[in-house]
Protein backbone atom coordinates (compact mmCIF):
# COMPACT_ATOMS: atom_id res chain seq x y z
CA MET A 1 -34.81 1.48 67.06
CA LYS A 2 -38.34 1.34 68.38
CA TYR A 3 -39.01 0.51 72.01
CA ASN A 4 -42.13 -0.88 73.58
CA ALA A 5 -42.20 0.65 77.05
CA ARG A 6 -44.38 -2.17 78.41
CA ARG A 7 -42.25 -5.05 77.15
CA GLY A 8 -38.82 -3.43 77.14
CA ARG A 9 -35.94 -4.72 75.08
CA ALA A 10 -33.40 -7.37 75.83
CA VAL A 11 -29.73 -6.41 75.85
CA LYS A 12 -28.88 -9.17 73.35
CA ARG A 13 -31.38 -7.83 70.82
CA ILE A 14 -30.07 -4.29 71.10
CA ALA A 15 -26.46 -5.52 70.80
CA ARG A 16 -27.38 -7.25 67.52
CA GLN A 17 -28.96 -4.04 66.21
CA VAL A 18 -25.87 -2.01 67.16
CA ALA A 19 -23.64 -4.52 65.36
CA VAL A 20 -25.72 -4.22 62.19
CA HIS A 21 -25.35 -0.43 62.16
CA ARG A 22 -21.57 -0.42 62.59
CA GLU A 23 -19.37 -0.47 59.52
CA GLU A 24 -17.02 -3.07 60.97
CA GLN A 25 -18.77 -6.12 62.34
CA PRO A 26 -17.64 -6.51 65.95
CA ASN A 27 -18.56 -9.47 68.06
CA THR A 28 -22.03 -8.90 69.55
CA GLU A 29 -20.73 -10.33 72.82
CA ASP A 30 -18.29 -7.39 73.08
CA ILE A 31 -21.15 -4.97 72.44
CA GLU A 32 -23.28 -6.65 75.13
CA VAL A 33 -20.49 -6.28 77.68
CA ALA A 34 -20.02 -2.61 76.81
CA LEU A 35 -23.76 -2.00 77.06
CA GLN A 36 -24.16 -3.83 80.37
CA HIS A 37 -21.12 -2.40 82.14
CA HIS A 38 -20.84 1.09 80.70
CA HIS A 39 -23.58 2.57 78.52
CA LEU A 40 -26.79 1.24 80.09
CA PRO A 41 -25.86 2.10 83.70
CA LYS A 42 -24.98 5.65 82.61
CA LEU A 43 -28.25 6.07 80.71
CA ALA A 44 -30.19 4.68 83.69
CA SER A 45 -28.34 6.98 86.08
CA ALA A 46 -29.27 9.97 83.90
CA GLY A 47 -32.94 8.91 83.99
CA ILE A 48 -33.12 8.29 80.24
CA ILE A 49 -33.92 4.57 80.51
CA GLU A 50 -34.90 1.99 83.08
CA TYR A 51 -32.49 -0.93 83.12
CA ASP A 52 -33.26 -4.16 84.97
CA ILE A 53 -29.94 -5.96 85.37
CA GLY A 54 -31.55 -9.25 86.44
CA SER A 55 -33.81 -9.63 83.42
CA GLU A 56 -31.50 -7.61 81.12
CA THR A 57 -34.49 -5.52 80.08
CA ILE A 58 -34.32 -1.91 78.96
CA ARG A 59 -37.29 0.45 78.97
CA TYR A 60 -37.35 3.86 77.32
CA HIS A 61 -40.40 6.00 77.97
CA GLY A 62 -39.51 9.00 75.83
CA ASN A 63 -37.65 12.21 76.50
CA ASP A 64 -38.52 15.35 74.53
CA GLN A 65 -35.12 17.00 75.02
CA LEU A 66 -33.32 13.87 73.85
CA LYS A 67 -35.59 13.56 70.80
CA GLU A 68 -34.93 17.21 69.89
CA ALA A 69 -31.15 16.77 70.25
CA TYR A 70 -31.27 13.60 68.13
CA SER A 71 -33.24 15.39 65.40
CA ARG A 72 -30.73 18.24 65.29
CA ILE A 73 -27.73 15.90 65.16
CA ARG A 74 -29.36 13.78 62.48
CA GLY A 75 -30.03 16.95 60.47
CA LEU A 76 -26.31 17.78 60.57
CA ASP A 77 -25.47 14.30 59.23
CA GLN A 78 -27.75 14.81 56.26
CA ARG A 79 -26.07 18.02 55.07
């Protein structure tokens, strides 16, 4: 997923993208709830994203350590 740090991303749009990448097709409403009440607050608390609850906007500005970890994990998947 690509993020525009100026515009951010709406929770609904990200929930739809998550649903597409799952093998079973869960209700996007369930994904939105999980994002809003669990995952996004944790990521915001860790300083990985900015999450505006009122506008339901998420901003990711980049994190070199996170990118490196993602690359390594993705490399394991491709073996």
